[in-house]
Structure formats: C-alpha cells, structure tokens
Amino acid sequence: MKKINLTSKHFLPSAPRRNPDADPEITNMMLDPRYLRQSSSLIQEALQKGFDVLQLANGDIVTTGTKTVVFQYRWDEEKGKLVKSKPQNDRKRRSDVSDEEDEMESEDN
C-alpha cells in the first residue's frame, strides 16, 4: 500500500494585507474629535430610525434601511366605501407619498 502525503509546504501567493491600524491617516481620523462626534451622532440617528449601520475600517459609514408607509382607512357609511383617514401618529408626509395617495384615490373612484 502506498502512502500519499496530502500536506504541502507550497502556499499560494496572496494579496498583501493592509492593516488599517497601521495607516496613520486612518488612525488620526479615528482619533479626531470632530470625526468621533459626527460619526457617533450619525450612527445613533440611523439606529434610532431602524437602519442597519456598518462602519468600515477606513472610517466610511454605510447605513441601509427601508421606509415604512402606513395608510389608515375607515368605513364611511354614507358614501358606502372606505376612505383614507389620518393615522394615529401624525407625521409630516413627503410629497411623493401624497402623490401615491392621490393615485390610489383616483383608482378607487
């Protein structure tokens, strides 16, 4: 029986790895009080809005999220149809949301 040696001492060359901590420009930025103040504020606001937040090694911040639009309808006995009413949480609406509402109402008629 012949033994096969599966271990190899040959390694594939890999791309050189950059240690972000070794880059003095990034290190200085991360210690800058202005960056710390602005980034922590931005991150906190994004998290409060329900966004996912990713802070990259180079200091970039990525936020992702979805906007939830709530429409509330009530039954109007006199008209015999559902009519849009204001939701309990009365926030300012964006103009594109108002356009959507107008489109929906015109489809109902």
PDB file of N, CA and C in Angstrom:
ATOM      1  N   MET A   1       0.841  -1.165   0.000  1.00  0.00           N
ATOM      2  CA  MET A   1       0.000   0.000   0.000  1.00  0.00           C
ATOM      3  C   MET A   1       0.895   1.240   0.000  1.00  0.00           C
ATOM      4  N   LYS A   2       0.539   2.201  -0.853  1.00  0.00           N
ATOM      5  CA  LYS A   2       1.337   3.400  -0.998  1.00  0.00           C
ATOM      6  C   LYS A   2       0.707   4.533  -0.194  1.00  0.00           C
ATOM      7  N   LYS A   3       1.506   5.254   0.605  1.00  0.00           N
ATOM      8  CA  LYS A   3       1.011   6.381   1.397  1.00  0.00           C
ATOM      9  C   LYS A   3       1.086   7.652   0.566  1.00  0.00           C
ATOM     10  N   ILE A   4       0.053   8.445   0.686  1.00  0.00           N
ATOM     11  CA  ILE A   4       0.012   9.715  -0.027  1.00  0.00           C
ATOM     12  C   ILE A   4       0.079  10.832   1.015  1.00  0.00           C
ATOM     13  N   ASN A   5       0.994  11.744   0.818  1.00  0.00           N
ATOM     14  CA  ASN A   5       1.137  12.869   1.722  1.00  0.00           C
ATOM     15  C   ASN A   5       0.310  14.033   1.174  1.00  0.00           C
ATOM     16  N   LEU A   6      -0.782  14.387   1.864  1.00  0.00           N
ATOM     17  CA  LEU A   6      -1.671  15.440   1.402  1.00  0.00           C
ATOM     18  C   LEU A   6      -1.245  16.833   1.866  1.00  0.00           C
ATOM     19  N   THR A   7      -0.354  16.886   2.800  1.00  0.00           N
ATOM     20  CA  THR A   7       0.092  18.200   3.254  1.00  0.00           C
ATOM     21  C   THR A   7       1.167  18.710   2.318  1.00  0.00           C
ATOM     22  N   SER A   8       1.105  19.978   2.061  1.00  0.00           N
ATOM     23  CA  SER A   8       2.055  20.578   1.148  1.00  0.00           C
ATOM     24  C   SER A   8       2.700  21.774   1.813  1.00  0.00           C
ATOM     25  N   LYS A   9       3.934  21.993   1.488  1.00  0.00           N
ATOM     26  CA  LYS A   9       4.627  23.143   2.046  1.00  0.00           C
ATOM     27  C   LYS A   9       4.584  24.314   1.075  1.00  0.00           C
ATOM     28  N   HIS A  10       3.874  24.140  -0.041  1.00  0.00           N
ATOM     29  CA  HIS A  10       3.743  25.208  -1.016  1.00  0.00           C
ATOM     30  C   HIS A  10       2.443  25.967  -0.750  1.00  0.00           C
ATOM     31  N   PHE A  11       2.557  27.268  -0.632  1.00  0.00           N
ATOM     32  CA  PHE A  11       1.393  28.105  -0.395  1.00  0.00           C
ATOM     33  C   PHE A  11       1.175  29.002  -1.599  1.00  0.00           C
ATOM     34  N   LEU A  12      -0.087  29.230  -1.902  1.00  0.00           N
ATOM     35  CA  LEU A  12      -0.407  30.140  -2.991  1.00  0.00           C
ATOM     36  C   LEU A  12      -0.099  31.567  -2.547  1.00  0.00           C
ATOM     37  N   PRO A  13       0.437  32.363  -3.440  1.00  0.00           N
ATOM     38  CA  PRO A  13       0.696  33.750  -3.046  1.00  0.00           C
ATOM     39  C   PRO A  13      -0.631  34.479  -2.843  1.00  0.00           C
ATOM     40  N   SER A  14      -0.689  35.272  -1.823  1.00  0.00           N
ATOM     41  CA  SER A  14      -1.914  36.023  -1.555  1.00  0.00           C
ATOM     42  C   SER A  14      -1.617  37.511  -1.650  1.00  0.00           C
ATOM     43  N   ALA A  15      -2.671  38.261  -1.803  1.00  0.00           N
ATOM     44  CA  ALA A  15      -2.514  39.710  -1.885  1.00  0.00           C
ATOM     45  C   ALA A  15      -2.032  40.227  -0.536  1.00  0.00           C
ATOM     46  N   PRO A  16      -1.177  41.203  -0.551  1.00  0.00           N
ATOM     47  CA  PRO A  16      -0.703  41.735   0.731  1.00  0.00           C
ATOM     48  C   PRO A  16      -1.862  42.340   1.507  1.00  0.00           C
ATOM     49  N   ARG A  17      -1.923  42.054   2.775  1.00  0.00           N
ATOM     50  CA  ARG A  17      -2.992  42.561   3.614  1.00  0.00           C
ATOM     51  C   ARG A  17      -2.581  43.898   4.216  1.00  0.00           C
ATOM     52  N   ARG A  18      -3.539  44.834   4.164  1.00  0.00           N
ATOM     53  CA  ARG A  18      -3.280  46.134   4.767  1.00  0.00           C
ATOM     54  C   ARG A  18      -3.944  46.170   6.125  1.00  0.00           C
ATOM     55  N   ASN A  19      -3.189  46.498   7.091  1.00  0.00           N
ATOM     56  CA  ASN A  19      -3.729  46.653   8.428  1.00  0.00           C
ATOM     57  C   ASN A  19      -4.202  48.099   8.560  1.00  0.00           C
ATOM     58  N   PRO A  20      -5.516  48.332   8.733  1.00  0.00           N
ATOM     59  CA  PRO A  20      -5.990  49.709   8.805  1.00  0.00           C
ATOM     60  C   PRO A  20      -5.392  50.466   9.985  1.00  0.00           C
ATOM     61  N   ASP A  21      -5.018  49.738  11.043  1.00  0.00           N
ATOM     62  CA  ASP A  21      -4.419  50.397  12.192  1.00  0.00           C
ATOM     63  C   ASP A  21      -3.023  50.906  11.875  1.00  0.00           C
ATOM     64  N   ALA A  22      -2.400  50.319  10.851  1.00  0.00           N
ATOM     65  CA  ALA A  22      -1.044  50.718  10.505  1.00  0.00           C
ATOM     66  C   ALA A  22      -1.037  51.991   9.659  1.00  0.00           C
ATOM     67  N   ASP A  23      -2.179  52.377   9.089  1.00  0.00           N
ATOM     68  CA  ASP A  23      -2.261  53.570   8.257  1.00  0.00           C
ATOM     69  C   ASP A  23      -2.439  54.784   9.168  1.00  0.00           C
ATOM     70  N   PRO A  24      -1.424  55.649   9.243  1.00  0.00           N
ATOM     71  CA  PRO A  24      -1.518  56.783  10.179  1.00  0.00           C
ATOM     72  C   PRO A  24      -2.646  57.756   9.849  1.00  0.00           C
ATOM     73  N   GLU A  25      -3.002  57.876   8.554  1.00  0.00           N
ATOM     74  CA  GLU A  25      -4.085  58.793   8.182  1.00  0.00           C
ATOM     75  C   GLU A  25      -5.411  58.328   8.767  1.00  0.00           C
ATOM     76  N   ILE A  26      -5.681  57.025   8.684  1.00  0.00           N
ATOM     77  CA  ILE A  26      -6.932  56.473   9.230  1.00  0.00           C
ATOM     78  C   ILE A  26      -6.911  56.542  10.747  1.00  0.00           C
ATOM     79  N   THR A  27      -5.768  56.219  11.344  1.00  0.00           N
ATOM     80  CA  THR A  27      -5.659  56.272  12.798  1.00  0.00           C
ATOM     81  C   THR A  27      -5.916  57.690  13.297  1.00  0.00           C
ATOM     82  N   ASN A  28      -5.329  58.680  12.618  1.00  0.00           N
ATOM     83  CA  ASN A  28      -5.539  60.074  13.019  1.00  0.00           C
ATOM     84  C   ASN A  28      -7.004  60.473  12.872  1.00  0.00           C
ATOM     85  N   MET A  29      -7.649  60.014  11.800  1.00  0.00           N
ATOM     86  CA  MET A  29      -9.050  60.353  11.582  1.00  0.00           C
ATOM     87  C   MET A  29      -9.907  59.757  12.695  1.00  0.00           C
ATOM     88  N   MET A  30      -9.643  58.514  13.073  1.00  0.00           N
ATOM     89  CA  MET A  30     -10.443  57.847  14.104  1.00  0.00           C
ATOM     90  C   MET A  30     -10.251  58.495  15.478  1.00  0.00           C
ATOM     91  N   LEU A  31      -9.162  59.201  15.669  1.00  0.00           N
ATOM     92  CA  LEU A  31      -8.917  59.878  16.942  1.00  0.00           C
ATOM     93  C   LEU A  31      -9.336  61.343  16.917  1.00  0.00           C
ATOM     94  N   ASP A  32      -9.735  61.834  15.752  1.00  0.00           N
ATOM     95  CA  ASP A  32     -10.145  63.232  15.600  1.00  0.00           C
ATOM     96  C   ASP A  32     -11.487  63.437  16.294  1.00  0.00           C
ATOM     97  N   PRO A  33     -11.564  64.358  17.261  1.00  0.00           N
ATOM     98  CA  PRO A  33     -12.831  64.573  17.979  1.00  0.00           C
ATOM     99  C   PRO A  33     -13.984  64.960  17.045  1.00  0.00           C
ATOM    100  N   ARG A  34     -13.695  65.673  15.963  1.00  0.00           N
ATOM    101  CA  ARG A  34     -14.759  66.052  15.021  1.00  0.00           C
ATOM    102  C   ARG A  34     -15.347  64.813  14.352  1.00  0.00           C
ATOM    103  N   TYR A  35     -14.465  63.884  13.927  1.00  0.00           N
ATOM    104  CA  TYR A  35     -14.942  62.638  13.305  1.00  0.00           C
ATOM    105  C   TYR A  35     -15.752  61.833  14.319  1.00  0.00           C
ATOM    106  N   LEU A  36     -15.223  61.710  15.538  1.00  0.00           N
ATOM    107  CA  LEU A  36     -15.913  60.930  16.563  1.00  0.00           C
ATOM    108  C   LEU A  36     -17.292  61.515  16.870  1.00  0.00           C
ATOM    109  N   ARG A  37     -17.373  62.819  16.980  1.00  0.00           N
ATOM    110  CA  ARG A  37     -18.646  63.473  17.299  1.00  0.00           C
ATOM    111  C   ARG A  37     -19.648  63.279  16.156  1.00  0.00           C
ATOM    112  N   GLN A  38     -19.196  63.540  14.931  1.00  0.00           N
ATOM    113  CA  GLN A  38     -20.109  63.441  13.792  1.00  0.00           C
ATOM    114  C   GLN A  38     -20.512  61.995  13.508  1.00  0.00           C
ATOM    115  N   SER A  39     -19.545  61.086  13.589  1.00  0.00           N
ATOM    116  CA  SER A  39     -19.867  59.684  13.279  1.00  0.00           C
ATOM    117  C   SER A  39     -20.790  59.089  14.336  1.00  0.00           C
ATOM    118  N   SER A  40     -20.538  59.395  15.615  1.00  0.00           N
ATOM    119  CA  SER A  40     -21.401  58.820  16.652  1.00  0.00           C
ATOM    120  C   SER A  40     -22.809  59.385  16.545  1.00  0.00           C
ATOM    121  N   SER A  41     -22.937  60.659  16.197  1.00  0.00           N
ATOM    122  CA  SER A  41     -24.256  61.261  16.026  1.00  0.00           C
ATOM    123  C   SER A  41     -24.986  60.621  14.848  1.00  0.00           C
ATOM    124  N   LEU A  42     -24.284  60.465  13.733  1.00  0.00           N
ATOM    125  CA  LEU A  42     -24.884  59.866  12.541  1.00  0.00           C
ATOM    126  C   LEU A  42     -25.308  58.422  12.812  1.00  0.00           C
ATOM    127  N   ILE A  43     -24.456  57.665  13.473  1.00  0.00           N
ATOM    128  CA  ILE A  43     -24.755  56.267  13.784  1.00  0.00           C
ATOM    129  C   ILE A  43     -25.956  56.174  14.713  1.00  0.00           C
ATOM    130  N   GLN A  44     -25.980  57.019  15.729  1.00  0.00           N
ATOM    131  CA  GLN A  44     -27.096  56.997  16.685  1.00  0.00           C
ATOM    132  C   GLN A  44     -28.423  57.325  16.002  1.00  0.00           C
ATOM    133  N   GLU A  45     -28.439  58.351  15.153  1.00  0.00           N
ATOM    134  CA  GLU A  45     -29.662  58.716  14.442  1.00  0.00           C
ATOM    135  C   GLU A  45     -30.133  57.589  13.527  1.00  0.00           C
ATOM    136  N   ALA A  46     -29.196  56.969  12.822  1.00  0.00           N
ATOM    137  CA  ALA A  46     -29.551  55.879  11.908  1.00  0.00           C
ATOM    138  C   ALA A  46     -30.128  54.695  12.678  1.00  0.00           C
ATOM    139  N   LEU A  47     -29.523  54.362  13.810  1.00  0.00           N
ATOM    140  CA  LEU A  47     -30.027  53.241  14.610  1.00  0.00           C
ATOM    141  C   LEU A  47     -31.416  53.543  15.173  1.00  0.00           C
ATOM    142  N   GLN A  48     -31.659  54.785  15.567  1.00  0.00           N
ATOM    143  CA  GLN A  48     -32.979  55.160  16.084  1.00  0.00           C
ATOM    144  C   GLN A  48     -34.044  55.043  15.002  1.00  0.00           C
ATOM    145  N   LYS A  49     -33.663  55.261  13.749  1.00  0.00           N
ATOM    146  CA  LYS A  49     -34.607  55.139  12.633  1.00  0.00           C
ATOM    147  C   LYS A  49     -34.765  53.694  12.185  1.00  0.00           C
ATOM    148  N   GLY A  50     -34.034  52.768  12.809  1.00  0.00           N
ATOM    149  CA  GLY A  50     -34.160  51.360  12.476  1.00  0.00           C
ATOM    150  C   GLY A  50     -33.268  50.918  11.333  1.00  0.00           C
ATOM    151  N   PHE A  51     -32.274  51.715  10.993  1.00  0.00           N
ATOM    152  CA  PHE A  51     -31.357  51.357   9.911  1.00  0.00           C
ATOM    153  C   PHE A  51     -30.292  50.397  10.427  1.00  0.00           C
ATOM    154  N   ASP A  52     -29.726  49.630   9.516  1.00  0.00           N
ATOM    155  CA  ASP A  52     -28.539  48.843   9.814  1.00  0.00           C
ATOM    156  C   ASP A  52     -27.349  49.745   9.540  1.00  0.00           C
ATOM    157  N   VAL A  53     -26.322  49.667  10.395  1.00  0.00           N
ATOM    158  CA  VAL A  53     -25.169  50.549  10.271  1.00  0.00           C
ATOM    159  C   VAL A  53     -23.900  49.715  10.223  1.00  0.00           C
ATOM    160  N   LEU A  54     -23.032  50.081   9.296  1.00  0.00           N
ATOM    161  CA  LEU A  54     -21.750  49.404   9.156  1.00  0.00           C
ATOM    162  C   LEU A  54     -20.674  50.476   9.095  1.00  0.00           C
ATOM    163  N   GLN A  55     -19.711  50.402  10.007  1.00  0.00           N
ATOM    164  CA  GLN A  55     -18.586  51.335   9.987  1.00  0.00           C
ATOM    165  C   GLN A  55     -17.379  50.573   9.471  1.00  0.00           C
ATOM    166  N   LEU A  56     -16.873  50.985   8.330  1.00  0.00           N
ATOM    167  CA  LEU A  56     -15.772  50.291   7.679  1.00  0.00           C
ATOM    168  C   LEU A  56     -14.442  50.672   8.318  1.00  0.00           C
ATOM    169  N   ALA A  57     -13.433  49.854   8.057  1.00  0.00           N
ATOM    170  CA  ALA A  57     -12.109  50.062   8.640  1.00  0.00           C
ATOM    171  C   ALA A  57     -11.491  51.384   8.212  1.00  0.00           C
ATOM    172  N   ASN A  58     -11.883  51.892   7.041  1.00  0.00           N
ATOM    173  CA  ASN A  58     -11.315  53.157   6.573  1.00  0.00           C
ATOM    174  C   ASN A  58     -12.082  54.367   7.113  1.00  0.00           C
ATOM    175  N   GLY A  59     -13.098  54.125   7.959  1.00  0.00           N
ATOM    176  CA  GLY A  59     -13.859  55.213   8.561  1.00  0.00           C
ATOM    177  C   GLY A  59     -15.168  55.515   7.874  1.00  0.00           C
ATOM    178  N   ASP A  60     -15.385  54.960   6.692  1.00  0.00           N
ATOM    179  CA  ASP A  60     -16.654  55.165   5.992  1.00  0.00           C
ATOM    180  C   ASP A  60     -17.787  54.529   6.793  1.00  0.00           C
ATOM    181  N   ILE A  61     -18.961  55.122   6.706  1.00  0.00           N
ATOM    182  CA  ILE A  61     -20.137  54.602   7.398  1.00  0.00           C
ATOM    183  C   ILE A  61     -21.208  54.329   6.353  1.00  0.00           C
ATOM    184  N   VAL A  62     -21.780  53.123   6.398  1.00  0.00           N
ATOM    185  CA  VAL A  62     -22.818  52.716   5.466  1.00  0.00           C
ATOM    186  C   VAL A  62     -24.082  52.448   6.273  1.00  0.00           C
ATOM    187  N   THR A  63     -25.198  53.041   5.849  1.00  0.00           N
ATOM    188  CA  THR A  63     -26.478  52.778   6.505  1.00  0.00           C
ATOM    189  C   THR A  63     -27.456  52.242   5.464  1.00  0.00           C
ATOM    190  N   THR A  64     -28.250  51.272   5.868  1.00  0.00           N
ATOM    191  CA  THR A  64     -29.271  50.724   4.983  1.00  0.00           C
ATOM    192  C   THR A  64     -30.573  50.601   5.764  1.00  0.00           C
ATOM    193  N   GLY A  65     -31.655  50.752   5.072  1.00  0.00           N
ATOM    194  CA  GLY A  65     -32.937  50.614   5.735  1.00  0.00           C
ATOM    195  C   GLY A  65     -34.066  50.724   4.739  1.00  0.00           C
ATOM    196  N   THR A  66     -35.250  50.493   5.227  1.00  0.00           N
ATOM    197  CA  THR A  66     -36.440  50.633   4.398  1.00  0.00           C
ATOM    198  C   THR A  66     -37.390  51.589   5.092  1.00  0.00           C
ATOM    199  N   LYS A  67     -38.148  52.284   4.309  1.00  0.00           N
ATOM    200  CA  LYS A  67     -39.118  53.236   4.852  1.00  0.00           C
ATOM    201  C   LYS A  67     -40.483  52.564   4.850  1.00  0.00           C
ATOM    202  N   THR A  68     -41.154  52.609   5.979  1.00  0.00           N
ATOM    203  CA  THR A  68     -42.484  52.030   6.095  1.00  0.00           C
ATOM    204  C   THR A  68     -43.513  53.144   5.997  1.00  0.00           C
ATOM    205  N   VAL A  69     -44.442  52.984   5.093  1.00  0.00           N
ATOM    206  CA  VAL A  69     -45.509  53.963   4.915  1.00  0.00           C
ATOM    207  C   VAL A  69     -46.798  53.315   5.385  1.00  0.00           C
ATOM    208  N   VAL A  70     -47.497  53.996   6.265  1.00  0.00           N
ATOM    209  CA  VAL A  70     -48.732  53.445   6.831  1.00  0.00           C
ATOM    210  C   VAL A  70     -49.912  54.265   6.324  1.00  0.00           C
ATOM    211  N   PHE A  71     -50.888  53.575   5.785  1.00  0.00           N
ATOM    212  CA  PHE A  71     -52.142  54.199   5.386  1.00  0.00           C
ATOM    213  C   PHE A  71     -53.239  53.623   6.260  1.00  0.00           C
ATOM    214  N   GLN A  72     -54.122  54.470   6.710  1.00  0.00           N
ATOM    215  CA  GLN A  72     -55.235  54.006   7.534  1.00  0.00           C
ATOM    216  C   GLN A  72     -56.530  54.379   6.833  1.00  0.00           C
ATOM    217  N   TYR A  73     -57.462  53.429   6.770  1.00  0.00           N
ATOM    218  CA  TYR A  73     -58.749  53.651   6.117  1.00  0.00           C
ATOM    219  C   TYR A  73     -59.864  53.378   7.119  1.00  0.00           C
ATOM    220  N   ARG A  74     -60.968  54.109   6.972  1.00  0.00           N
ATOM    221  CA  ARG A  74     -62.148  53.864   7.813  1.00  0.00           C
ATOM    222  C   ARG A  74     -63.358  53.742   6.894  1.00  0.00           C
ATOM    223  N   TRP A  75     -64.338  53.043   7.365  1.00  0.00           N
ATOM    224  CA  TRP A  75     -65.544  52.837   6.579  1.00  0.00           C
ATOM    225  C   TRP A  75     -66.461  54.041   6.729  1.00  0.00           C
ATOM    226  N   ASP A  76     -66.855  54.625   5.600  1.00  0.00           N
ATOM    227  CA  ASP A  76     -67.794  55.749   5.585  1.00  0.00           C
ATOM    228  C   ASP A  76     -69.148  55.180   5.162  1.00  0.00           C
ATOM    229  N   GLU A  77     -70.055  55.112   6.116  1.00  0.00           N
ATOM    230  CA  GLU A  77     -71.374  54.511   5.880  1.00  0.00           C
ATOM    231  C   GLU A  77     -72.153  55.289   4.827  1.00  0.00           C
ATOM    232  N   GLU A  78     -72.081  56.629   4.872  1.00  0.00           N
ATOM    233  CA  GLU A  78     -72.839  57.446   3.929  1.00  0.00           C
ATOM    234  C   GLU A  78     -72.359  57.242   2.492  1.00  0.00           C
ATOM    235  N   LYS A  79     -71.068  57.207   2.306  1.00  0.00           N
ATOM    236  CA  LYS A  79     -70.506  57.030   0.967  1.00  0.00           C
ATOM    237  C   LYS A  79     -70.491  55.563   0.546  1.00  0.00           C
ATOM    238  N   GLY A  80     -70.557  54.674   1.540  1.00  0.00           N
ATOM    239  CA  GLY A  80     -70.545  53.251   1.236  1.00  0.00           C
ATOM    240  C   GLY A  80     -69.198  52.758   0.727  1.00  0.00           C
ATOM    241  N   LYS A  81     -68.150  53.383   1.234  1.00  0.00           N
ATOM    242  CA  LYS A  81     -66.811  52.938   0.823  1.00  0.00           C
ATOM    243  C   LYS A  81     -65.784  53.298   1.885  1.00  0.00           C
ATOM    244  N   LEU A  82     -64.618  52.707   1.745  1.00  0.00           N
ATOM    245  CA  LEU A  82     -63.515  53.027   2.637  1.00  0.00           C
ATOM    246  C   LEU A  82     -62.906  54.362   2.232  1.00  0.00           C
ATOM    247  N   VAL A  83     -62.623  55.209   3.213  1.00  0.00           N
ATOM    248  CA  VAL A  83     -61.980  56.495   2.951  1.00  0.00           C
ATOM    249  C   VAL A  83     -60.721  56.588   3.797  1.00  0.00           C
ATOM    250  N   LYS A  84     -59.755  57.284   3.242  1.00  0.00           N
ATOM    251  CA  LYS A  84     -58.488  57.429   3.937  1.00  0.00           C
ATOM    252  C   LYS A  84     -58.644  58.385   5.106  1.00  0.00           C
ATOM    253  N   SER A  85     -58.106  58.002   6.251  1.00  0.00           N
ATOM    254  CA  SER A  85     -58.109  58.880   7.417  1.00  0.00           C
ATOM    255  C   SER A  85     -56.680  59.002   7.922  1.00  0.00           C
ATOM    256  N   LYS A  86     -56.448  59.986   8.749  1.00  0.00           N
ATOM    257  CA  LYS A  86     -55.090  60.196   9.249  1.00  0.00           C
ATOM    258  C   LYS A  86     -54.750  59.131  10.281  1.00  0.00           C
ATOM    259  N   PRO A  87     -53.522  58.558  10.196  1.00  0.00           N
ATOM    260  CA  PRO A  87     -53.118  57.589  11.212  1.00  0.00           C
ATOM    261  C   PRO A  87     -52.932  58.271  12.565  1.00  0.00           C
ATOM    262  N   GLN A  88     -52.864  57.474  13.608  1.00  0.00           N
ATOM    263  CA  GLN A  88     -52.701  57.993  14.966  1.00  0.00           C
ATOM    264  C   GLN A  88     -51.438  58.842  15.083  1.00  0.00           C
ATOM    265  N   ASN A  89     -50.333  58.368  14.492  1.00  0.00           N
ATOM    266  CA  ASN A  89     -49.064  59.077  14.537  1.00  0.00           C
ATOM    267  C   ASN A  89     -49.033  60.056  13.376  1.00  0.00           C
ATOM    268  N   ASP A  90     -49.304  61.329  13.628  1.00  0.00           N
ATOM    269  CA  ASP A  90     -49.457  62.333  12.577  1.00  0.00           C
ATOM    270  C   ASP A  90     -48.108  62.964  12.259  1.00  0.00           C
ATOM    271  N   ARG A  91     -47.363  62.355  11.362  1.00  0.00           N
ATOM    272  CA  ARG A  91     -46.063  62.884  10.947  1.00  0.00           C
ATOM    273  C   ARG A  91     -46.231  63.641   9.646  1.00  0.00           C
ATOM    274  N   LYS A  92     -45.249  64.490   9.351  1.00  0.00           N
ATOM    275  CA  LYS A  92     -45.261  65.192   8.071  1.00  0.00           C
ATOM    276  C   LYS A  92     -45.069  64.176   6.968  1.00  0.00           C
ATOM    277  N   ARG A  93     -45.826  64.323   5.916  1.00  0.00           N
ATOM    278  CA  ARG A  93     -45.738  63.392   4.797  1.00  0.00           C
ATOM    279  C   ARG A  93     -44.873  63.984   3.704  1.00  0.00           C
ATOM    280  N   ARG A  94     -44.166  63.113   3.016  1.00  0.00           N
ATOM    281  CA  ARG A  94     -43.362  63.553   1.872  1.00  0.00           C
ATOM    282  C   ARG A  94     -44.281  63.745   0.683  1.00  0.00           C
ATOM    283  N   SER A  95     -43.858  64.558  -0.267  1.00  0.00           N
ATOM    284  CA  SER A  95     -44.712  64.854  -1.415  1.00  0.00           C
ATOM    285  C   SER A  95     -44.968  63.614  -2.266  1.00  0.00           C
ATOM    286  N   ASP A  96     -43.986  62.700  -2.370  1.00  0.00           N
ATOM    287  CA  ASP A  96     -44.208  61.508  -3.182  1.00  0.00           C
ATOM    288  C   ASP A  96     -45.225  60.575  -2.542  1.00  0.00           C
ATOM    289  N   VAL A  97     -45.305  60.567  -1.221  1.00  0.00           N
ATOM    290  CA  VAL A  97     -46.315  59.750  -0.545  1.00  0.00           C
ATOM    291  C   VAL A  97     -47.693  60.339  -0.834  1.00  0.00           C
ATOM    292  N   SER A  98     -47.806  61.663  -0.819  1.00  0.00           N
ATOM    293  CA  SER A  98     -49.082  62.305  -1.131  1.00  0.00           C
ATOM    294  C   SER A  98     -49.496  61.999  -2.558  1.00  0.00           C
ATOM    295  N   ASP A  99     -48.530  61.969  -3.480  1.00  0.00           N
ATOM    296  CA  ASP A  99     -48.836  61.622  -4.865  1.00  0.00           C
ATOM    297  C   ASP A  99     -49.382  60.202  -4.959  1.00  0.00           C
ATOM    298  N   GLU A 100     -48.785  59.270  -4.188  1.00  0.00           N
ATOM    299  CA  GLU A 100     -49.269  57.885  -4.182  1.00  0.00           C
ATOM    300  C   GLU A 100     -50.710  57.835  -3.691  1.00  0.00           C
ATOM    301  N   GLU A 101     -51.016  58.602  -2.646  1.00  0.00           N
ATOM    302  CA  GLU A 101     -52.363  58.605  -2.097  1.00  0.00           C
ATOM    303  C   GLU A 101     -53.356  59.100  -3.149  1.00  0.00           C
ATOM    304  N   ASP A 102     -52.985  60.172  -3.850  1.00  0.00           N
ATOM    305  CA  ASP A 102     -53.870  60.711  -4.880  1.00  0.00           C
ATOM    306  C   ASP A 102     -54.125  59.678  -5.965  1.00  0.00           C
ATOM    307  N   GLU A 103     -53.072  58.943  -6.365  1.00  0.00           N
ATOM    308  CA  GLU A 103     -53.227  57.909  -7.380  1.00  0.00           C
ATOM    309  C   GLU A 103     -54.168  56.819  -6.896  1.00  0.00           C
ATOM    310  N   MET A 104     -53.992  56.400  -5.639  1.00  0.00           N
ATOM    311  CA  MET A 104     -54.836  55.334  -5.088  1.00  0.00           C
ATOM    312  C   MET A 104     -56.282  55.775  -5.031  1.00  0.00           C
ATOM    313  N   GLU A 105     -56.522  57.030  -4.613  1.00  0.00           N
ATOM    314  CA  GLU A 105     -57.896  57.519  -4.512  1.00  0.00           C
ATOM    315  C   GLU A 105     -58.548  57.598  -5.880  1.00  0.00           C
ATOM    316  N   SER A 106     -57.792  58.016  -6.905  1.00  0.00           N
ATOM    317  CA  SER A 106     -58.372  58.119  -8.245  1.00  0.00           C
ATOM    318  C   SER A 106     -58.685  56.731  -8.810  1.00  0.00           C
ATOM    319  N   GLU A 107     -57.911  55.714  -8.406  1.00  0.00           N
ATOM    320  CA  GLU A 107     -58.193  54.339  -8.861  1.00  0.00           C
ATOM    321  C   GLU A 107     -59.466  53.813  -8.217  1.00  0.00           C
ATOM    322  N   ASP A 108     -59.726  54.229  -6.946  1.00  0.00           N
ATOM    323  CA  ASP A 108     -60.900  53.755  -6.231  1.00  0.00           C
ATOM    324  C   ASP A 108     -62.187  54.307  -6.822  1.00  0.00           C
ATOM    325  N   ASN A 109     -62.136  55.499  -7.419  1.00  0.00           N
ATOM    326  CA  ASN A 109     -63.353  56.151  -7.950  1.00  0.00           C
ATOM    327  C   ASN A 109     -63.750  55.622  -9.281  1.00  0.00           C
TER     328      ASN A 109
END
